[in-house]
């Protein structure tokens, strides 16, 4: 048993509201940074729609951004080990209209 399991004072109690637990779908992430922070805007871009809204914005310190990148990389490796390689979008020919009809007003 490691030290964290033996000492309940080190436990982090995290709560999530129903609204946040439902999540937001995003198919585009825009990443910008300054000397002090990384900003990731998650956007849901719909085909045939000229305007999209940011669904969520997450602001990281540079240290937390790097830890996030490491955690995401590790999780992708575990996912691919269990489910096979994830094909990169650049490897697939996806038209910008996502194969559906073009929207008209």
PDB file of N, CA and C in Angstrom:
ATOM      1  N   UNK A   1       0.848  -1.177   0.000  1.00  0.00           N
ATOM      2  CA  UNK A   1       0.000   0.000   0.000  1.00  0.00           C
ATOM      3  C   UNK A   1       0.897   1.244   0.000  1.00  0.00           C
ATOM      4  N   UNK A   2       0.623   2.187  -0.897  1.00  0.00           N
ATOM      5  CA  UNK A   2       1.483   3.366  -0.937  1.00  0.00           C
ATOM      6  C   UNK A   2       1.040   4.400   0.102  1.00  0.00           C
ATOM      7  N   UNK A   3       1.852   5.438   0.255  1.00  0.00           N
ATOM      8  CA  UNK A   3       1.626   6.447   1.295  1.00  0.00           C
ATOM      9  C   UNK A   3       0.284   7.150   1.146  1.00  0.00           C
ATOM     10  N   UNK A   4      -0.137   7.412  -0.113  1.00  0.00           N
ATOM     11  CA  UNK A   4      -1.394   8.117  -0.340  1.00  0.00           C
ATOM     12  C   UNK A   4      -2.583   7.295   0.136  1.00  0.00           C
ATOM     13  N   UNK A   5      -2.542   5.981  -0.054  1.00  0.00           N
ATOM     14  CA  UNK A   5      -3.638   5.126   0.369  1.00  0.00           C
ATOM     15  C   UNK A   5      -3.695   5.027   1.887  1.00  0.00           C
ATOM     16  N   UNK A   6      -2.566   5.114   2.563  1.00  0.00           N
ATOM     17  CA  UNK A   6      -2.534   4.984   4.011  1.00  0.00           C
ATOM     18  C   UNK A   6      -2.958   6.277   4.702  1.00  0.00           C
ATOM     19  N   UNK A   7      -2.764   7.419   4.080  1.00  0.00           N
ATOM     20  CA  UNK A   7      -3.068   8.696   4.697  1.00  0.00           C
ATOM     21  C   UNK A   7      -4.259   9.350   3.991  1.00  0.00           C
ATOM     22  N   UNK A   8      -5.474   9.255   4.570  1.00  0.00           N
ATOM     23  CA  UNK A   8      -6.664   9.806   3.914  1.00  0.00           C
ATOM     24  C   UNK A   8      -6.631  11.329   3.789  1.00  0.00           C
ATOM     25  N   UNK A   9      -5.738  12.011   4.509  1.00  0.00           N
ATOM     26  CA  UNK A   9      -5.640  13.463   4.398  1.00  0.00           C
ATOM     27  C   UNK A   9      -5.125  13.883   3.022  1.00  0.00           C
ATOM     28  N   UNK A  10      -4.445  12.997   2.315  1.00  0.00           N
ATOM     29  CA  UNK A  10      -3.929  13.300   0.987  1.00  0.00           C
ATOM     30  C   UNK A  10      -4.958  13.079  -0.110  1.00  0.00           C
ATOM     31  N   UNK A  11      -6.158  12.585   0.236  1.00  0.00           N
ATOM     32  CA  UNK A  11      -7.182  12.320  -0.757  1.00  0.00           C
ATOM     33  C   UNK A  11      -7.774  13.626  -1.258  1.00  0.00           C
ATOM     34  N   UNK A  12      -8.108  13.633  -2.535  1.00  0.00           N
ATOM     35  CA  UNK A  12      -8.737  14.782  -3.169  1.00  0.00           C
ATOM     36  C   UNK A  12     -10.183  14.436  -3.429  1.00  0.00           C
ATOM     37  N   UNK A  13     -11.094  15.216  -2.877  1.00  0.00           N
ATOM     38  CA  UNK A  13     -12.521  14.990  -3.058  1.00  0.00           C
ATOM     39  C   UNK A  13     -13.004  15.891  -4.189  1.00  0.00           C
ATOM     40  N   UNK A  14     -13.355  15.288  -5.319  1.00  0.00           N
ATOM     41  CA  UNK A  14     -13.773  16.048  -6.493  1.00  0.00           C
ATOM     42  C   UNK A  14     -15.250  15.801  -6.744  1.00  0.00           C
ATOM     43  N   UNK A  15     -16.007  16.880  -6.892  1.00  0.00           N
ATOM     44  CA  UNK A  15     -17.429  16.786  -7.200  1.00  0.00           C
ATOM     45  C   UNK A  15     -17.673  17.310  -8.600  1.00  0.00           C
ATOM     46  N   UNK A  16     -18.728  16.800  -9.241  1.00  0.00           N
ATOM     47  CA  UNK A  16     -19.086  17.257 -10.580  1.00  0.00           C
ATOM     48  C   UNK A  16     -20.595  17.437 -10.648  1.00  0.00           C
ATOM     49  N   UNK A  17     -21.024  18.557 -11.202  1.00  0.00           N
ATOM     50  CA  UNK A  17     -22.459  18.796 -11.346  1.00  0.00           C
ATOM     51  C   UNK A  17     -22.995  17.958 -12.505  1.00  0.00           C
ATOM     52  N   UNK A  18     -24.301  17.747 -12.538  1.00  0.00           N
ATOM     53  CA  UNK A  18     -24.914  16.986 -13.631  1.00  0.00           C
ATOM     54  C   UNK A  18     -24.635  17.652 -14.973  1.00  0.00           C
ATOM     55  N   UNK A  19     -24.725  18.964 -15.004  1.00  0.00           N
ATOM     56  CA  UNK A  19     -24.522  19.715 -16.246  1.00  0.00           C
ATOM     57  C   UNK A  19     -23.111  19.500 -16.796  1.00  0.00           C
ATOM     58  N   UNK A  20     -22.113  19.583 -15.923  1.00  0.00           N
ATOM     59  CA  UNK A  20     -20.732  19.385 -16.355  1.00  0.00           C
ATOM     60  C   UNK A  20     -20.502  17.921 -16.723  1.00  0.00           C
ATOM     61  N   UNK A  21     -21.120  16.997 -15.995  1.00  0.00           N
ATOM     62  CA  UNK A  21     -20.947  15.569 -16.255  1.00  0.00           C
ATOM     63  C   UNK A  21     -21.457  15.171 -17.637  1.00  0.00           C
ATOM     64  N   UNK A  22     -22.426  15.900 -18.168  1.00  0.00           N
ATOM     65  CA  UNK A  22     -22.951  15.612 -19.509  1.00  0.00           C
ATOM     66  C   UNK A  22     -21.905  15.877 -20.575  1.00  0.00           C
ATOM     67  N   UNK A  23     -20.998  16.812 -20.303  1.00  0.00           N
ATOM     68  CA  UNK A  23     -19.921  17.111 -21.236  1.00  0.00           C
ATOM     69  C   UNK A  23     -20.361  17.986 -22.392  1.00  0.00           C
ATOM     70  N   UNK A  24     -19.388  18.434 -23.143  1.00  0.00           N
ATOM     71  CA  UNK A  24     -19.598  19.227 -24.350  1.00  0.00           C
ATOM     72  C   UNK A  24     -18.838  18.557 -25.477  1.00  0.00           C
ATOM     73  N   UNK A  25     -19.468  18.414 -26.633  1.00  0.00           N
ATOM     74  CA  UNK A  25     -18.784  17.844 -27.785  1.00  0.00           C
ATOM     75  C   UNK A  25     -17.958  18.929 -28.462  1.00  0.00           C
ATOM     76  N   UNK A  26     -16.729  18.600 -28.812  1.00  0.00           N
ATOM     77  CA  UNK A  26     -15.866  19.517 -29.553  1.00  0.00           C
ATOM     78  C   UNK A  26     -15.104  18.718 -30.598  1.00  0.00           C
ATOM     79  N   UNK A  27     -14.987  19.288 -31.802  1.00  0.00           N
ATOM     80  CA  UNK A  27     -14.217  18.628 -32.848  1.00  0.00           C
ATOM     81  C   UNK A  27     -13.076  19.523 -33.352  1.00  0.00           C
ATOM     82  N   UNK A  28     -12.797  20.575 -32.580  1.00  0.00           N
ATOM     83  CA  UNK A  28     -11.686  21.467 -32.897  1.00  0.00           C
ATOM     84  C   UNK A  28     -11.155  22.055 -31.592  1.00  0.00           C
ATOM     85  N   UNK A  29      -9.849  22.081 -31.463  1.00  0.00           N
ATOM     86  CA  UNK A  29      -9.213  22.732 -30.314  1.00  0.00           C
ATOM     87  C   UNK A  29      -8.242  23.772 -30.855  1.00  0.00           C
ATOM     88  N   UNK A  30      -8.351  24.975 -30.328  1.00  0.00           N
ATOM     89  CA  UNK A  30      -7.453  26.061 -30.708  1.00  0.00           C
ATOM     90  C   UNK A  30      -6.565  26.335 -29.503  1.00  0.00           C
ATOM     91  N   UNK A  31      -5.255  26.226 -29.692  1.00  0.00           N
ATOM     92  CA  UNK A  31      -4.317  26.373 -28.579  1.00  0.00           C
ATOM     93  C   UNK A  31      -3.460  27.606 -28.800  1.00  0.00           C
ATOM     94  N   UNK A  32      -3.442  28.487 -27.790  1.00  0.00           N
ATOM     95  CA  UNK A  32      -2.585  29.667 -27.807  1.00  0.00           C
ATOM     96  C   UNK A  32      -1.826  29.708 -26.487  1.00  0.00           C
ATOM     97  N   UNK A  33      -0.777  30.522 -26.437  1.00  0.00           N
ATOM     98  CA  UNK A  33      -0.022  30.607 -25.189  1.00  0.00           C
ATOM     99  C   UNK A  33       0.657  31.958 -25.061  1.00  0.00           C
ATOM    100  N   UNK A  34       0.944  32.285 -23.826  1.00  0.00           N
ATOM    101  CA  UNK A  34       1.760  33.453 -23.491  1.00  0.00           C
ATOM    102  C   UNK A  34       2.922  32.922 -22.658  1.00  0.00           C
ATOM    103  N   UNK A  35       3.710  33.808 -22.092  1.00  0.00           N
ATOM    104  CA  UNK A  35       4.814  33.347 -21.248  1.00  0.00           C
ATOM    105  C   UNK A  35       4.305  32.707 -19.959  1.00  0.00           C
ATOM    106  N   UNK A  36       3.061  32.980 -19.571  1.00  0.00           N
ATOM    107  CA  UNK A  36       2.575  32.522 -18.269  1.00  0.00           C
ATOM    108  C   UNK A  36       1.482  31.466 -18.334  1.00  0.00           C
ATOM    109  N   UNK A  37       0.867  31.255 -19.523  1.00  0.00           N
ATOM    110  CA  UNK A  37      -0.258  30.336 -19.573  1.00  0.00           C
ATOM    111  C   UNK A  37      -0.493  29.773 -20.978  1.00  0.00           C
ATOM    112  N   UNK A  38      -1.144  28.615 -21.006  1.00  0.00           N
ATOM    113  CA  UNK A  38      -1.629  28.006 -22.234  1.00  0.00           C
ATOM    114  C   UNK A  38      -3.150  28.079 -22.188  1.00  0.00           C
ATOM    115  N   UNK A  39      -3.768  28.469 -23.290  1.00  0.00           N
ATOM    116  CA  UNK A  39      -5.218  28.569 -23.374  1.00  0.00           C
ATOM    117  C   UNK A  39      -5.687  27.613 -24.466  1.00  0.00           C
ATOM    118  N   UNK A  40      -6.613  26.720 -24.109  1.00  0.00           N
ATOM    119  CA  UNK A  40      -7.186  25.794 -25.073  1.00  0.00           C
ATOM    120  C   UNK A  40      -8.671  26.093 -25.180  1.00  0.00           C
ATOM    121  N   UNK A  41      -9.102  26.495 -26.384  1.00  0.00           N
ATOM    122  CA  UNK A  41     -10.520  26.718 -26.671  1.00  0.00           C
ATOM    123  C   UNK A  41     -11.048  25.500 -27.417  1.00  0.00           C
ATOM    124  N   UNK A  42     -12.104  24.901 -26.884  1.00  0.00           N
ATOM    125  CA  UNK A  42     -12.736  23.752 -27.512  1.00  0.00           C
ATOM    126  C   UNK A  42     -13.972  24.241 -28.259  1.00  0.00           C
ATOM    127  N   UNK A  43     -14.046  23.884 -29.551  1.00  0.00           N
ATOM    128  CA  UNK A  43     -15.082  24.402 -30.441  1.00  0.00           C
ATOM    129  C   UNK A  43     -15.811  23.231 -31.095  1.00  0.00           C
ATOM    130  N   UNK A  44     -17.104  23.399 -31.329  1.00  0.00           N
ATOM    131  CA  UNK A  44     -17.891  22.431 -32.089  1.00  0.00           C
ATOM    132  C   UNK A  44     -18.201  23.074 -33.433  1.00  0.00           C
ATOM    133  N   UNK A  45     -17.493  22.644 -34.471  1.00  0.00           N
ATOM    134  CA  UNK A  45     -17.686  23.176 -35.816  1.00  0.00           C
ATOM    135  C   UNK A  45     -18.679  22.281 -36.541  1.00  0.00           C
ATOM    136  N   UNK A  46     -19.778  22.866 -37.008  1.00  0.00           N
ATOM    137  CA  UNK A  46     -20.792  22.107 -37.732  1.00  0.00           C
ATOM    138  C   UNK A  46     -20.648  22.369 -39.223  1.00  0.00           C
ATOM    139  N   UNK A  47     -20.791  21.323 -40.036  1.00  0.00           N
ATOM    140  CA  UNK A  47     -20.654  21.496 -41.481  1.00  0.00           C
ATOM    141  C   UNK A  47     -21.716  22.446 -42.029  1.00  0.00           C
ATOM    142  N   UNK A  48     -21.301  23.283 -42.959  1.00  0.00           N
ATOM    143  CA  UNK A  48     -22.223  24.208 -43.604  1.00  0.00           C
ATOM    144  C   UNK A  48     -22.616  25.390 -42.754  1.00  0.00           C
ATOM    145  N   UNK A  49     -22.055  25.518 -41.570  1.00  0.00           N
ATOM    146  CA  UNK A  49     -22.369  26.622 -40.675  1.00  0.00           C
ATOM    147  C   UNK A  49     -21.200  27.598 -40.693  1.00  0.00           C
ATOM    148  N   UNK A  50     -21.464  28.859 -41.035  1.00  0.00           N
ATOM    149  CA  UNK A  50     -20.351  29.805 -41.153  1.00  0.00           C
ATOM    150  C   UNK A  50     -19.776  30.272 -39.822  1.00  0.00           C
ATOM    151  N   UNK A  51     -20.503  30.056 -38.736  1.00  0.00           N
ATOM    152  CA  UNK A  51     -20.062  30.565 -37.436  1.00  0.00           C
ATOM    153  C   UNK A  51     -20.115  29.445 -36.403  1.00  0.00           C
ATOM    154  N   UNK A  52     -19.087  29.375 -35.566  1.00  0.00           N
ATOM    155  CA  UNK A  52     -19.035  28.379 -34.492  1.00  0.00           C
ATOM    156  C   UNK A  52     -18.709  29.084 -33.191  1.00  0.00           C
ATOM    157  N   UNK A  53     -19.137  28.477 -32.081  1.00  0.00           N
ATOM    158  CA  UNK A  53     -18.888  29.062 -30.769  1.00  0.00           C
ATOM    159  C   UNK A  53     -17.925  28.203 -29.969  1.00  0.00           C
ATOM    160  N   UNK A  54     -17.130  28.870 -29.155  1.00  0.00           N
ATOM    161  CA  UNK A  54     -16.279  28.159 -28.207  1.00  0.00           C
ATOM    162  C   UNK A  54     -17.203  27.539 -27.166  1.00  0.00           C
ATOM    163  N   UNK A  55     -17.062  26.231 -26.963  1.00  0.00           N
ATOM    164  CA  UNK A  55     -17.891  25.522 -25.989  1.00  0.00           C
ATOM    165  C   UNK A  55     -17.265  25.534 -24.604  1.00  0.00           C
ATOM    166  N   UNK A  56     -15.928  25.581 -24.570  1.00  0.00           N
ATOM    167  CA  UNK A  56     -15.235  25.566 -23.290  1.00  0.00           C
ATOM    168  C   UNK A  56     -13.837  26.133 -23.486  1.00  0.00           C
ATOM    169  N   UNK A  57     -13.346  26.823 -22.472  1.00  0.00           N
ATOM    170  CA  UNK A  57     -11.981  27.347 -22.489  1.00  0.00           C
ATOM    171  C   UNK A  57     -11.292  26.864 -21.223  1.00  0.00           C
ATOM    172  N   UNK A  58     -10.115  26.256 -21.405  1.00  0.00           N
ATOM    173  CA  UNK A  58      -9.323  25.783 -20.279  1.00  0.00           C
ATOM    174  C   UNK A  58      -8.002  26.549 -20.297  1.00  0.00           C
ATOM    175  N   UNK A  59      -7.602  27.062 -19.137  1.00  0.00           N
ATOM    176  CA  UNK A  59      -6.364  27.825 -19.020  1.00  0.00           C
ATOM    177  C   UNK A  59      -5.426  27.054 -18.094  1.00  0.00           C
ATOM    178  N   UNK A  60      -4.227  26.746 -18.599  1.00  0.00           N
ATOM    179  CA  UNK A  60      -3.226  25.991 -17.863  1.00  0.00           C
ATOM    180  C   UNK A  60      -1.994  26.853 -17.604  1.00  0.00           C
ATOM    181  N   UNK A  61      -1.303  26.590 -16.505  1.00  0.00           N
ATOM    182  CA  UNK A  61       0.061  27.092 -16.362  1.00  0.00           C
ATOM    183  C   UNK A  61       0.922  26.253 -17.306  1.00  0.00           C
ATOM    184  N   UNK A  62       2.103  26.725 -17.692  1.00  0.00           N
ATOM    185  CA  UNK A  62       2.957  25.896 -18.554  1.00  0.00           C
ATOM    186  C   UNK A  62       3.250  24.516 -17.948  1.00  0.00           C
ATOM    187  N   UNK A  63       3.452  24.460 -16.636  1.00  0.00           N
ATOM    188  CA  UNK A  63       3.739  23.176 -15.984  1.00  0.00           C
ATOM    189  C   UNK A  63       2.541  22.232 -16.081  1.00  0.00           C
ATOM    190  N   UNK A  64       1.332  22.754 -15.861  1.00  0.00           N
ATOM    191  CA  UNK A  64       0.146  21.907 -15.942  1.00  0.00           C
ATOM    192  C   UNK A  64      -0.149  21.503 -17.385  1.00  0.00           C
ATOM    193  N   UNK A  65       0.154  22.375 -18.341  1.00  0.00           N
ATOM    194  CA  UNK A  65      -0.028  22.024 -19.750  1.00  0.00           C
ATOM    195  C   UNK A  65       0.858  20.832 -20.107  1.00  0.00           C
ATOM    196  N   UNK A  66       2.091  20.850 -19.633  1.00  0.00           N
ATOM    197  CA  UNK A  66       3.014  19.754 -19.923  1.00  0.00           C
ATOM    198  C   UNK A  66       2.552  18.463 -19.244  1.00  0.00           C
ATOM    199  N   UNK A  67       2.072  18.564 -18.008  1.00  0.00           N
ATOM    200  CA  UNK A  67       1.557  17.380 -17.309  1.00  0.00           C
ATOM    201  C   UNK A  67       0.327  16.829 -18.026  1.00  0.00           C
ATOM    202  N   UNK A  68      -0.533  17.732 -18.538  1.00  0.00           N
ATOM    203  CA  UNK A  68      -1.719  17.322 -19.282  1.00  0.00           C
ATOM    204  C   UNK A  68      -1.307  16.583 -20.555  1.00  0.00           C
ATOM    205  N   UNK A  69      -0.325  17.126 -21.276  1.00  0.00           N
ATOM    206  CA  UNK A  69       0.165  16.483 -22.490  1.00  0.00           C
ATOM    207  C   UNK A  69       0.689  15.080 -22.189  1.00  0.00           C
ATOM    208  N   UNK A  70       1.435  14.935 -21.113  1.00  0.00           N
ATOM    209  CA  UNK A  70       1.983  13.634 -20.728  1.00  0.00           C
ATOM    210  C   UNK A  70       0.852  12.659 -20.386  1.00  0.00           C
ATOM    211  N   UNK A  71      -0.129  13.116 -19.618  1.00  0.00           N
ATOM    212  CA  UNK A  71      -1.245  12.251 -19.235  1.00  0.00           C
ATOM    213  C   UNK A  71      -2.064  11.839 -20.461  1.00  0.00           C
ATOM    214  N   UNK A  72      -2.280  12.764 -21.389  1.00  0.00           N
ATOM    215  CA  UNK A  72      -3.031  12.440 -22.605  1.00  0.00           C
ATOM    216  C   UNK A  72      -2.258  11.442 -23.463  1.00  0.00           C
ATOM    217  N   UNK A  73      -0.955  11.644 -23.596  1.00  0.00           N
ATOM    218  CA  UNK A  73      -0.111  10.717 -24.360  1.00  0.00           C
ATOM    219  C   UNK A  73      -0.175   9.316 -23.768  1.00  0.00           C
ATOM    220  N   UNK A  74      -0.066   9.205 -22.449  1.00  0.00           N
ATOM    221  CA  UNK A  74      -0.127   7.897 -21.786  1.00  0.00           C
ATOM    222  C   UNK A  74      -1.480   7.230 -22.007  1.00  0.00           C
ATOM    223  N   UNK A  75      -2.558   8.004 -21.938  1.00  0.00           N
ATOM    224  CA  UNK A  75      -3.892   7.442 -22.135  1.00  0.00           C
ATOM    225  C   UNK A  75      -4.113   7.007 -23.578  1.00  0.00           C
ATOM    226  N   UNK A  76      -3.589   7.751 -24.534  1.00  0.00           N
ATOM    227  CA  UNK A  76      -3.702   7.353 -25.938  1.00  0.00           C
ATOM    228  C   UNK A  76      -2.935   6.057 -26.177  1.00  0.00           C
ATOM    229  N   UNK A  77      -1.756   5.937 -25.586  1.00  0.00           N
ATOM    230  CA  UNK A  77      -0.976   4.704 -25.732  1.00  0.00           C
ATOM    231  C   UNK A  77      -1.735   3.510 -25.163  1.00  0.00           C
ATOM    232  N   UNK A  78      -2.370   3.675 -24.003  1.00  0.00           N
ATOM    233  CA  UNK A  78      -3.154   2.586 -23.406  1.00  0.00           C
ATOM    234  C   UNK A  78      -4.361   2.238 -24.274  1.00  0.00           C
ATOM    235  N   UNK A  79      -5.032   3.274 -24.805  1.00  0.00           N
ATOM    236  CA  UNK A  79      -6.184   3.056 -25.674  1.00  0.00           C
ATOM    237  C   UNK A  79      -5.781   2.263 -26.907  1.00  0.00           C
ATOM    238  N   UNK A  80      -4.666   2.679 -27.553  1.00  0.00           N
ATOM    239  CA  UNK A  80      -4.216   2.005 -28.770  1.00  0.00           C
ATOM    240  C   UNK A  80      -3.749   0.577 -28.481  1.00  0.00           C
ATOM    241  N   UNK A  81      -3.171   0.351 -27.322  1.00  0.00           N
ATOM    242  CA  UNK A  81      -2.758  -1.007 -26.949  1.00  0.00           C
ATOM    243  C   UNK A  81      -3.979  -1.926 -26.847  1.00  0.00           C
ATOM    244  N   UNK A  82      -5.091  -1.388 -26.381  1.00  0.00           N
ATOM    245  CA  UNK A  82      -6.301  -2.191 -26.212  1.00  0.00           C
ATOM    246  C   UNK A  82      -7.165  -2.239 -27.469  1.00  0.00           C
ATOM    247  N   UNK A  83      -7.134  -1.170 -28.283  1.00  0.00           N
ATOM    248  CA  UNK A  83      -8.091  -1.044 -29.388  1.00  0.00           C
ATOM    249  C   UNK A  83      -7.474  -0.914 -30.773  1.00  0.00           C
ATOM    250  N   UNK A  84      -6.172  -0.850 -30.860  1.00  0.00           N
ATOM    251  CA  UNK A  84      -5.526  -0.662 -32.149  1.00  0.00           C
ATOM    252  C   UNK A  84      -5.221   0.808 -32.403  1.00  0.00           C
ATOM    253  N   UNK A  85      -4.427   1.026 -33.406  1.00  0.00           N
ATOM    254  CA  UNK A  85      -3.940   2.366 -33.726  1.00  0.00           C
ATOM    255  C   UNK A  85      -5.077   3.310 -34.131  1.00  0.00           C
ATOM    256  N   UNK A  86      -5.003   4.533 -33.653  1.00  0.00           N
ATOM    257  CA  UNK A  86      -5.947   5.576 -34.045  1.00  0.00           C
ATOM    258  C   UNK A  86      -5.407   6.210 -35.318  1.00  0.00           C
ATOM    259  N   UNK A  87      -6.209   6.216 -36.367  1.00  0.00           N
ATOM    260  CA  UNK A  87      -5.774   6.822 -37.617  1.00  0.00           C
ATOM    261  C   UNK A  87      -5.866   8.331 -37.510  1.00  0.00           C
ATOM    262  N   UNK A  88      -4.812   8.999 -37.920  1.00  0.00           N
ATOM    263  CA  UNK A  88      -4.766  10.454 -37.904  1.00  0.00           C
ATOM    264  C   UNK A  88      -5.657  10.990 -39.020  1.00  0.00           C
ATOM    265  N   UNK A  89      -6.309  12.119 -38.802  1.00  0.00           N
ATOM    266  CA  UNK A  89      -7.189  12.701 -39.820  1.00  0.00           C
ATOM    267  C   UNK A  89      -6.440  13.017 -41.103  1.00  0.00           C
ATOM    268  N   UNK A  90      -5.143  13.349 -41.008  1.00  0.00           N
ATOM    269  CA  UNK A  90      -4.365  13.635 -42.208  1.00  0.00           C
ATOM    270  C   UNK A  90      -4.232  12.390 -43.087  1.00  0.00           C
ATOM    271  N   UNK A  91      -4.390  11.202 -42.500  1.00  0.00           N
ATOM    272  CA  UNK A  91      -4.296   9.956 -43.258  1.00  0.00           C
ATOM    273  C   UNK A  91      -5.603   9.637 -43.975  1.00  0.00           C
ATOM    274  N   UNK A  92      -6.687  10.300 -43.567  1.00  0.00           N
ATOM    275  CA  UNK A  92      -7.994  10.012 -44.129  1.00  0.00           C
ATOM    276  C   UNK A  92      -8.446  11.198 -44.982  1.00  0.00           C
ATOM    277  N   UNK A  93      -9.129  10.919 -46.073  1.00  0.00           N
ATOM    278  CA  UNK A  93      -9.649  11.986 -46.933  1.00  0.00           C
ATOM    279  C   UNK A  93     -11.071  12.306 -46.481  1.00  0.00           C
ATOM    280  N   UNK A  94     -11.213  13.350 -45.665  1.00  0.00           N
ATOM    281  CA  UNK A  94     -12.525  13.760 -45.173  1.00  0.00           C
ATOM    282  C   UNK A  94     -12.863  15.113 -45.796  1.00  0.00           C
ATOM    283  N   UNK A  95     -13.943  15.183 -46.562  1.00  0.00           N
ATOM    284  CA  UNK A  95     -14.321  16.479 -47.133  1.00  0.00           C
ATOM    285  C   UNK A  95     -14.807  17.424 -46.047  1.00  0.00           C
ATOM    286  N   UNK A  96     -14.654  18.715 -46.264  1.00  0.00           N
ATOM    287  CA  UNK A  96     -15.051  19.692 -45.251  1.00  0.00           C
ATOM    288  C   UNK A  96     -16.553  19.682 -44.962  1.00  0.00           C
ATOM    289  N   UNK A  97     -17.373  19.160 -45.862  1.00  0.00           N
ATOM    290  CA  UNK A  97     -18.809  19.091 -45.574  1.00  0.00           C
ATOM    291  C   UNK A  97     -19.173  17.798 -44.848  1.00  0.00           C
ATOM    292  N   UNK A  98     -18.156  17.021 -44.457  1.00  0.00           N
ATOM    293  CA  UNK A  98     -18.315  15.809 -43.662  1.00  0.00           C
ATOM    294  C   UNK A  98     -19.207  14.770 -44.359  1.00  0.00           C
ATOM    295  N   UNK A  99     -19.337  14.883 -45.689  1.00  0.00           N
ATOM    296  CA  UNK A  99     -20.095  13.888 -46.433  1.00  0.00           C
ATOM    297  C   UNK A  99     -21.589  14.109 -46.412  1.00  0.00           C
ATOM    298  N   UNK A 100     -22.075  15.091 -45.702  1.00  0.00           N
ATOM    299  CA  UNK A 100     -23.505  15.361 -45.640  1.00  0.00           C
ATOM    300  C   UNK A 100     -23.897  16.447 -46.618  1.00  0.00           C
ATOM    301  N   UNK A 101     -25.187  16.727 -46.680  1.00  0.00           N
ATOM    302  CA  UNK A 101     -25.638  17.780 -47.592  1.00  0.00           C
ATOM    303  C   UNK A 101     -25.174  19.156 -47.127  1.00  0.00           C
ATOM    304  N   UNK A 102     -25.022  20.061 -48.069  1.00  0.00           N
ATOM    305  CA  UNK A 102     -24.637  21.421 -47.750  1.00  0.00           C
ATOM    306  C   UNK A 102     -25.859  22.165 -47.229  1.00  0.00           C
ATOM    307  N   UNK A 103     -25.707  22.839 -46.114  1.00  0.00           N
ATOM    308  CA  UNK A 103     -26.826  23.558 -45.508  1.00  0.00           C
ATOM    309  C   UNK A 103     -27.213  24.761 -46.346  1.00  0.00           C
ATOM    310  N   UNK A 104     -28.513  25.038 -46.389  1.00  0.00           N
ATOM    311  CA  UNK A 104     -29.016  26.206 -47.097  1.00  0.00           C
ATOM    312  C   UNK A 104     -30.038  26.895 -46.213  1.00  0.00           C
ATOM    313  N   UNK A 105     -30.083  28.227 -46.337  1.00  0.00           N
ATOM    314  CA  UNK A 105     -31.052  28.984 -45.527  1.00  0.00           C
ATOM    315  C   UNK A 105     -32.337  29.180 -46.294  1.00  0.00           C
TER     316      UNK A 105
END
